PDB file of N, CA and C in Angstrom:
ATOM      1  N   MET A   1      -1.476 -14.691  17.819  1.00  0.00           N
ATOM      2  CA  MET A   1      -1.989 -13.418  18.299  1.00  0.00           C
ATOM      3  C   MET A   1      -0.850 -12.620  18.930  1.00  0.00           C
ATOM      4  N   VAL A   2      -0.963 -11.319  18.807  1.00  0.00           N
ATOM      5  CA  VAL A   2      -0.021 -10.387  19.413  1.00  0.00           C
ATOM      6  C   VAL A   2      -0.807  -9.553  20.418  1.00  0.00           C
ATOM      7  N   LYS A   3      -0.298  -9.482  21.641  1.00  0.00           N
ATOM      8  CA  LYS A   3      -0.932  -8.630  22.644  1.00  0.00           C
ATOM      9  C   LYS A   3      -0.400  -7.220  22.457  1.00  0.00           C
ATOM     10  N   VAL A   4      -1.309  -6.244  22.404  1.00  0.00           N
ATOM     11  CA  VAL A   4      -0.935  -4.850  22.230  1.00  0.00           C
ATOM     12  C   VAL A   4      -1.442  -4.073  23.431  1.00  0.00           C
ATOM     13  N   LYS A   5      -0.537  -3.307  24.048  1.00  0.00           N
ATOM     14  CA  LYS A   5      -0.904  -2.482  25.198  1.00  0.00           C
ATOM     15  C   LYS A   5      -0.605  -1.026  24.900  1.00  0.00           C
ATOM     16  N   PHE A   6      -1.426  -0.155  25.469  1.00  0.00           N
ATOM     17  CA  PHE A   6      -1.246   1.283  25.334  1.00  0.00           C
ATOM     18  C   PHE A   6      -1.103   1.870  26.725  1.00  0.00           C
ATOM     19  N   PHE A   7      -0.174   2.822  26.883  1.00  0.00           N
ATOM     20  CA  PHE A   7       0.114   3.367  28.204  1.00  0.00           C
ATOM     21  C   PHE A   7      -0.003   4.885  28.250  1.00  0.00           C
ATOM     22  N   ALA A   8      -0.188   5.375  29.458  1.00  0.00           N
ATOM     23  CA  ALA A   8      -0.161   6.802  29.794  1.00  0.00           C
ATOM     24  C   ALA A   8      -1.196   7.579  28.979  1.00  0.00           C
ATOM     25  N   ALA A   9      -0.808   8.761  28.506  1.00  0.00           N
ATOM     26  CA  ALA A   9      -1.742   9.630  27.783  1.00  0.00           C
ATOM     27  C   ALA A   9      -2.256   8.965  26.512  1.00  0.00           C
ATOM     28  N   LEU A  10      -1.455   8.116  25.897  1.00  0.00           N
ATOM     29  CA  LEU A  10      -1.896   7.409  24.694  1.00  0.00           C
ATOM     30  C   LEU A  10      -3.095   6.517  25.013  1.00  0.00           C
ATOM     31  N   ARG A  11      -3.037   5.821  26.116  1.00  0.00           N
ATOM     32  CA  ARG A  11      -4.157   4.971  26.548  1.00  0.00           C
ATOM     33  C   ARG A  11      -5.415   5.818  26.743  1.00  0.00           C
ATOM     34  N   GLU A  12      -5.248   6.978  27.329  1.00  0.00           N
ATOM     35  CA  GLU A  12      -6.390   7.863  27.565  1.00  0.00           C
ATOM     36  C   GLU A  12      -6.991   8.360  26.250  1.00  0.00           C
ATOM     37  N   ARG A  13      -6.150   8.778  25.314  1.00  0.00           N
ATOM     38  CA  ARG A  13      -6.649   9.308  24.044  1.00  0.00           C
ATOM     39  C   ARG A  13      -7.315   8.223  23.195  1.00  0.00           C
ATOM     40  N   LEU A  14      -6.785   7.013  23.231  1.00  0.00           N
ATOM     41  CA  LEU A  14      -7.361   5.914  22.449  1.00  0.00           C
ATOM     42  C   LEU A  14      -8.533   5.255  23.164  1.00  0.00           C
ATOM     43  N   GLN A  15      -8.648   5.497  24.439  1.00  0.00           N
ATOM     44  CA  GLN A  15      -9.674   4.869  25.285  1.00  0.00           C
ATOM     45  C   GLN A  15      -9.585   3.342  25.197  1.00  0.00           C
ATOM     46  N   CYS A  16      -8.344   2.862  25.238  1.00  0.00           N
ATOM     47  CA  CYS A  16      -8.085   1.425  25.174  1.00  0.00           C
ATOM     48  C   CYS A  16      -6.780   1.135  25.906  1.00  0.00           C
ATOM     49  N   ALA A  17      -6.800   0.176  26.791  1.00  0.00           N
ATOM     50  CA  ALA A  17      -5.588  -0.191  27.522  1.00  0.00           C
ATOM     51  C   ALA A  17      -4.869  -1.374  26.890  1.00  0.00           C
ATOM     52  N   GLU A  18      -5.639  -2.293  26.312  1.00  0.00           N
ATOM     53  CA  GLU A  18      -5.033  -3.529  25.816  1.00  0.00           C
ATOM     54  C   GLU A  18      -5.965  -4.209  24.825  1.00  0.00           C
ATOM     55  N   MET A  19      -5.363  -4.886  23.851  1.00  0.00           N
ATOM     56  CA  MET A  19      -6.135  -5.672  22.897  1.00  0.00           C
ATOM     57  C   MET A  19      -5.245  -6.743  22.281  1.00  0.00           C
ATOM     58  N   GLN A  20      -5.848  -7.639  21.549  1.00  0.00           N
ATOM     59  CA  GLN A  20      -5.093  -8.664  20.822  1.00  0.00           C
ATOM     60  C   GLN A  20      -5.378  -8.493  19.347  1.00  0.00           C
ATOM     61  N   ILE A  21      -4.364  -8.751  18.536  1.00  0.00           N
ATOM     62  CA  ILE A  21      -4.508  -8.647  17.088  1.00  0.00           C
ATOM     63  C   ILE A  21      -3.834  -9.871  16.473  1.00  0.00           C
ATOM     64  N   ALA A  22      -4.426 -10.372  15.412  1.00  0.00           N
ATOM     65  CA  ALA A  22      -3.865 -11.552  14.747  1.00  0.00           C
ATOM     66  C   ALA A  22      -2.508 -11.211  14.152  1.00  0.00           C
ATOM     67  N   SER A  23      -1.578 -12.147  14.275  1.00  0.00           N
ATOM     68  CA  SER A  23      -0.261 -11.952  13.685  1.00  0.00           C
ATOM     69  C   SER A  23      -0.284 -12.449  12.239  1.00  0.00           C
ATOM     70  N   GLN A  24       0.584 -11.867  11.439  1.00  0.00           N
ATOM     71  CA  GLN A  24       0.707 -12.228  10.026  1.00  0.00           C
ATOM     72  C   GLN A  24       2.160 -12.618   9.756  1.00  0.00           C
ATOM     73  N   PRO A  25       2.409 -13.454   8.748  1.00  0.00           N
ATOM     74  CA  PRO A  25       3.795 -13.754   8.382  1.00  0.00           C
ATOM     75  C   PRO A  25       4.518 -12.462   8.005  1.00  0.00           C
ATOM     76  N   ASP A  26       5.770 -12.386   8.334  1.00  0.00           N
ATOM     77  CA  ASP A  26       6.600 -11.217   8.015  1.00  0.00           C
ATOM     78  C   ASP A  26       6.097  -9.933   8.658  1.00  0.00           C
ATOM     79  N   ASP A  27       5.416 -10.032   9.802  1.00  0.00           N
ATOM     80  CA  ASP A  27       4.934  -8.851  10.516  1.00  0.00           C
ATOM     81  C   ASP A  27       6.097  -8.028  11.058  1.00  0.00           C
ATOM     82  N   SER A  28       5.856  -6.740  11.188  1.00  0.00           N
ATOM     83  CA  SER A  28       6.780  -5.819  11.846  1.00  0.00           C
ATOM     84  C   SER A  28       5.935  -4.924  12.743  1.00  0.00           C
ATOM     85  N   VAL A  29       6.590  -4.143  13.578  1.00  0.00           N
ATOM     86  CA  VAL A  29       5.863  -3.186  14.412  1.00  0.00           C
ATOM     87  C   VAL A  29       5.043  -2.263  13.517  1.00  0.00           C
ATOM     88  N   ALA A  30       5.638  -1.779  12.429  1.00  0.00           N
ATOM     89  CA  ALA A  30       4.930  -0.879  11.517  1.00  0.00           C
ATOM     90  C   ALA A  30       3.696  -1.548  10.907  1.00  0.00           C
ATOM     91  N   ALA A  31       3.794  -2.815  10.555  1.00  0.00           N
ATOM     92  CA  ALA A  31       2.662  -3.533   9.965  1.00  0.00           C
ATOM     93  C   ALA A  31       1.537  -3.710  10.974  1.00  0.00           C
ATOM     94  N   VAL A  32       1.884  -4.034  12.212  1.00  0.00           N
ATOM     95  CA  VAL A  32       0.862  -4.171  13.258  1.00  0.00           C
ATOM     96  C   VAL A  32       0.196  -2.822  13.482  1.00  0.00           C
ATOM     97  N   ARG A  33       1.001  -1.761  13.559  1.00  0.00           N
ATOM     98  CA  ARG A  33       0.452  -0.419  13.763  1.00  0.00           C
ATOM     99  C   ARG A  33      -0.488  -0.054  12.605  1.00  0.00           C
ATOM    100  N   ALA A  34      -0.125  -0.394  11.377  1.00  0.00           N
ATOM    101  CA  ALA A  34      -0.981  -0.106  10.222  1.00  0.00           C
ATOM    102  C   ALA A  34      -2.312  -0.852  10.321  1.00  0.00           C
ATOM    103  N   ARG A  35      -2.275  -2.110  10.770  1.00  0.00           N
ATOM    104  CA  ARG A  35      -3.526  -2.871  10.927  1.00  0.00           C
ATOM    105  C   ARG A  35      -4.387  -2.293  12.038  1.00  0.00           C
ATOM    106  N   LEU A  36      -3.747  -1.819  13.119  1.00  0.00           N
ATOM    107  CA  LEU A  36      -4.514  -1.174  14.188  1.00  0.00           C
ATOM    108  C   LEU A  36      -5.235   0.060  13.653  1.00  0.00           C
ATOM    109  N   ILE A  37      -4.552   0.839  12.839  1.00  0.00           N
ATOM    110  CA  ILE A  37      -5.161   2.036  12.252  1.00  0.00           C
ATOM    111  C   ILE A  37      -6.263   1.653  11.265  1.00  0.00           C
ATOM    112  N   GLU A  38      -6.035   0.575  10.520  1.00  0.00           N
ATOM    113  CA  GLU A  38      -7.060   0.108   9.583  1.00  0.00           C
ATOM    114  C   GLU A  38      -8.332  -0.280  10.334  1.00  0.00           C
ATOM    115  N   GLN A  39      -8.170  -0.951  11.476  1.00  0.00           N
ATOM    116  CA  GLN A  39      -9.320  -1.390  12.270  1.00  0.00           C
ATOM    117  C   GLN A  39      -9.944  -0.244  13.068  1.00  0.00           C
ATOM    118  N   HIS A  40      -9.134   0.762  13.396  1.00  0.00           N
ATOM    119  CA  HIS A  40      -9.584   1.897  14.215  1.00  0.00           C
ATOM    120  C   HIS A  40      -9.069   3.190  13.572  1.00  0.00           C
ATOM    121  N   PRO A  41      -9.673   3.629  12.478  1.00  0.00           N
ATOM    122  CA  PRO A  41      -9.155   4.786  11.743  1.00  0.00           C
ATOM    123  C   PRO A  41      -8.994   6.047  12.598  1.00  0.00           C
ATOM    124  N   HIS A  42      -9.809   6.201  13.615  1.00  0.00           N
ATOM    125  CA  HIS A  42      -9.714   7.388  14.476  1.00  0.00           C
ATOM    126  C   HIS A  42      -8.457   7.358  15.359  1.00  0.00           C
ATOM    127  N   TRP A  43      -7.684   6.286  15.347  1.00  0.00           N
ATOM    128  CA  TRP A  43      -6.430   6.199  16.107  1.00  0.00           C
ATOM    129  C   TRP A  43      -5.227   6.687  15.294  1.00  0.00           C
ATOM    130  N   GLN A  44      -5.431   6.988  14.028  1.00  0.00           N
ATOM    131  CA  GLN A  44      -4.311   7.297  13.142  1.00  0.00           C
ATOM    132  C   GLN A  44      -3.431   8.418  13.675  1.00  0.00           C
ATOM    133  N   ARG A  45      -4.010   9.523  14.063  1.00  0.00           N
ATOM    134  CA  ARG A  45      -3.206  10.669  14.513  1.00  0.00           C
ATOM    135  C   ARG A  45      -2.302  10.291  15.682  1.00  0.00           C
ATOM    136  N   GLU A  46      -2.839   9.584  16.653  1.00  0.00           N
ATOM    137  CA  GLU A  46      -2.058   9.230  17.836  1.00  0.00           C
ATOM    138  C   GLU A  46      -0.984   8.192  17.525  1.00  0.00           C
ATOM    139  N   LEU A  47      -1.323   7.159  16.765  1.00  0.00           N
ATOM    140  CA  LEU A  47      -0.364   6.080  16.507  1.00  0.00           C
ATOM    141  C   LEU A  47       0.723   6.462  15.513  1.00  0.00           C
ATOM    142  N   LEU A  48       0.458   7.432  14.648  1.00  0.00           N
ATOM    143  CA  LEU A  48       1.471   7.851  13.689  1.00  0.00           C
ATOM    144  C   LEU A  48       2.323   9.007  14.191  1.00  0.00           C
ATOM    145  N   ASP A  49       2.058   9.468  15.393  1.00  0.00           N
ATOM    146  CA  ASP A  49       2.870  10.532  15.994  1.00  0.00           C
ATOM    147  C   ASP A  49       4.314  10.050  16.088  1.00  0.00           C
ATOM    148  N   ASN A  50       5.252  10.843  15.596  1.00  0.00           N
ATOM    149  CA  ASN A  50       6.670  10.460  15.596  1.00  0.00           C
ATOM    150  C   ASN A  50       7.237  10.260  16.994  1.00  0.00           C
ATOM    151  N   ASP A  51       6.596  10.819  18.007  1.00  0.00           N
ATOM    152  CA  ASP A  51       7.101  10.697  19.370  1.00  0.00           C
ATOM    153  C   ASP A  51       6.668   9.410  20.062  1.00  0.00           C
ATOM    154  N   VAL A  52       5.707   8.684  19.483  1.00  0.00           N
ATOM    155  CA  VAL A  52       5.217   7.455  20.110  1.00  0.00           C
ATOM    156  C   VAL A  52       6.318   6.397  20.084  1.00  0.00           C
ATOM    157  N   LEU A  53       6.575   5.821  21.238  1.00  0.00           N
ATOM    158  CA  LEU A  53       7.594   4.781  21.387  1.00  0.00           C
ATOM    159  C   LEU A  53       6.942   3.407  21.394  1.00  0.00           C
ATOM    160  N   CYS A  54       7.736   2.391  21.091  1.00  0.00           N
ATOM    161  CA  CYS A  54       7.232   1.021  21.114  1.00  0.00           C
ATOM    162  C   CYS A  54       8.243   0.113  21.795  1.00  0.00           C
ATOM    163  N   ALA A  55       7.725  -0.815  22.556  1.00  0.00           N
ATOM    164  CA  ALA A  55       8.548  -1.862  23.155  1.00  0.00           C
ATOM    165  C   ALA A  55       7.960  -3.208  22.729  1.00  0.00           C
ATOM    166  N   LYS A  56       8.851  -4.153  22.457  1.00  0.00           N
ATOM    167  CA  LYS A  56       8.431  -5.531  22.165  1.00  0.00           C
ATOM    168  C   LYS A  56       9.003  -6.403  23.261  1.00  0.00           C
ATOM    169  N   ASN A  57       8.130  -7.090  23.953  1.00  0.00           N
ATOM    170  CA  ASN A  57       8.559  -7.975  25.037  1.00  0.00           C
ATOM    171  C   ASN A  57       9.495  -7.239  26.004  1.00  0.00           C
ATOM    172  N   PHE A  58       9.091  -6.017  26.368  1.00  0.00           N
ATOM    173  CA  PHE A  58       9.739  -5.189  27.405  1.00  0.00           C
ATOM    174  C   PHE A  58      11.060  -4.554  26.974  1.00  0.00           C
ATOM    175  N   ALA A  59      11.369  -4.518  25.681  1.00  0.00           N
ATOM    176  CA  ALA A  59      12.593  -3.867  25.195  1.00  0.00           C
ATOM    177  C   ALA A  59      12.218  -2.888  24.088  1.00  0.00           C
ATOM    178  N   PHE A  60      12.772  -1.676  24.138  1.00  0.00           N
ATOM    179  CA  PHE A  60      12.509  -0.687  23.095  1.00  0.00           C
ATOM    180  C   PHE A  60      12.922  -1.234  21.740  1.00  0.00           C
ATOM    181  N   VAL A  61      12.080  -0.985  20.726  1.00  0.00           N
ATOM    182  CA  VAL A  61      12.370  -1.447  19.370  1.00  0.00           C
ATOM    183  C   VAL A  61      11.974  -0.380  18.359  1.00  0.00           C
ATOM    184  N   GLY A  62      12.506  -0.513  17.155  1.00  0.00           N
ATOM    185  CA  GLY A  62      12.134   0.356  16.049  1.00  0.00           C
ATOM    186  C   GLY A  62      10.935  -0.196  15.307  1.00  0.00           C
ATOM    187  N   HIS A  63      10.455   0.580  14.361  1.00  0.00           N
ATOM    188  CA  HIS A  63       9.240   0.195  13.647  1.00  0.00           C
ATOM    189  C   HIS A  63       9.444  -0.955  12.669  1.00  0.00           C
ATOM    190  N   GLN A  64      10.675  -1.275  12.319  1.00  0.00           N
ATOM    191  CA  GLN A  64      10.924  -2.389  11.403  1.00  0.00           C
ATOM    192  C   GLN A  64      11.199  -3.703  12.142  1.00  0.00           C
ATOM    193  N   GLU A  65      11.137  -3.668  13.468  1.00  0.00           N
ATOM    194  CA  GLU A  65      11.369  -4.869  14.284  1.00  0.00           C
ATOM    195  C   GLU A  65      10.353  -5.951  13.925  1.00  0.00           C
ATOM    196  N   PRO A  66      10.804  -7.187  13.684  1.00  0.00           N
ATOM    197  CA  PRO A  66       9.874  -8.288  13.408  1.00  0.00           C
ATOM    198  C   PRO A  66       8.976  -8.572  14.615  1.00  0.00           C
ATOM    199  N   VAL A  67       7.766  -8.990  14.329  1.00  0.00           N
ATOM    200  CA  VAL A  67       6.781  -9.330  15.362  1.00  0.00           C
ATOM    201  C   VAL A  67       6.225 -10.705  15.035  1.00  0.00           C
ATOM    202  N   ARG A  68       6.150 -11.546  16.062  1.00  0.00           N
ATOM    203  CA  ARG A  68       5.633 -12.911  15.877  1.00  0.00           C
ATOM    204  C   ARG A  68       4.502 -13.191  16.862  1.00  0.00           C
ATOM    205  N   SER A  69       3.739 -14.198  16.558  1.00  0.00           N
ATOM    206  CA  SER A  69       2.665 -14.604  17.456  1.00  0.00           C
ATOM    207  C   SER A  69       3.237 -14.859  18.847  1.00  0.00           C
ATOM    208  N   GLY A  70       2.550 -14.367  19.859  1.00  0.00           N
ATOM    209  CA  GLY A  70       2.993 -14.526  21.239  1.00  0.00           C
ATOM    210  C   GLY A  70       3.757 -13.324  21.763  1.00  0.00           C
ATOM    211  N   ASP A  71       4.177 -12.417  20.870  1.00  0.00           N
ATOM    212  CA  ASP A  71       4.872 -11.210  21.312  1.00  0.00           C
ATOM    213  C   ASP A  71       3.897 -10.247  21.975  1.00  0.00           C
ATOM    214  N   GLU A  72       4.454  -9.366  22.780  1.00  0.00           N
ATOM    215  CA  GLU A  72       3.682  -8.292  23.388  1.00  0.00           C
ATOM    216  C   GLU A  72       4.278  -6.966  22.932  1.00  0.00           C
ATOM    217  N   LEU A  73       3.446  -6.113  22.358  1.00  0.00           N
ATOM    218  CA  LEU A  73       3.860  -4.777  21.951  1.00  0.00           C
ATOM    219  C   LEU A  73       3.249  -3.770  22.907  1.00  0.00           C
ATOM    220  N   ALA A  74       4.007  -2.764  23.260  1.00  0.00           N
ATOM    221  CA  ALA A  74       3.505  -1.682  24.101  1.00  0.00           C
ATOM    222  C   ALA A  74       3.814  -0.366  23.395  1.00  0.00           C
ATOM    223  N   PHE A  75       2.791   0.460  23.225  1.00  0.00           N
ATOM    224  CA  PHE A  75       2.939   1.782  22.637  1.00  0.00           C
ATOM    225  C   PHE A  75       2.727   2.813  23.729  1.00  0.00           C
ATOM    226  N   PHE A  76       3.577   3.828  23.749  1.00  0.00           N
ATOM    227  CA  PHE A  76       3.454   4.851  24.788  1.00  0.00           C
ATOM    228  C   PHE A  76       4.147   6.146  24.358  1.00  0.00           C
ATOM    229  N   PRO A  77       3.715   7.259  24.942  1.00  0.00           N
ATOM    230  CA  PRO A  77       4.377   8.522  24.631  1.00  0.00           C
ATOM    231  C   PRO A  77       5.739   8.568  25.302  1.00  0.00           C
ATOM    232  N   PRO A  78       6.603   9.488  24.876  1.00  0.00           N
ATOM    233  CA  PRO A  78       7.910   9.591  25.519  1.00  0.00           C
ATOM    234  C   PRO A  78       7.759   9.880  27.019  1.00  0.00           C
ATOM    235  N   VAL A  79       8.650   9.334  27.781  1.00  0.00           N
ATOM    236  CA  VAL A  79       8.612   9.522  29.234  1.00  0.00           C
ATOM    237  C   VAL A  79       9.454  10.737  29.564  1.00  0.00           C
ATOM    238  N   THR A  80       8.882  11.612  30.367  1.00  0.00           N
ATOM    239  CA  THR A  80       9.637  12.774  30.821  1.00  0.00           C
ATOM    240  C   THR A  80       9.755  12.704  32.322  1.00  0.00           C
ATOM    241  N   GLY A  81      10.739  13.318  32.828  1.00  0.00           N
ATOM    242  CA  GLY A  81      10.927  13.299  34.277  1.00  0.00           C
ATOM    243  C   GLY A  81      11.803  14.447  34.705  1.00  0.00           C
ATOM    244  N   GLY A  82      11.983  14.523  35.983  1.00  0.00           N
ATOM    245  CA  GLY A  82      12.778  15.641  36.475  1.00  0.00           C
ATOM    246  C   GLY A  82      13.740  15.187  37.535  1.00  0.00           C
TER     247      GLY A  82
END
């Protein structure tokens, strides 16, 4: 299983803070995101937004990053500050 967390405005729009999804052989961030959209089609617009960032086990990663059982993925909008 892969733990998936959503933060900030993304969490609000999806109305979900955290969930678990089964891991598959040869998984990547993009593959997990595709399965999330398959299971929740109304999340497509938010999860496919080019500005959405992802971290795996607390480190920023790209969409081709491998994902294995026990990993934690976090999706969130870009952080702005002043």
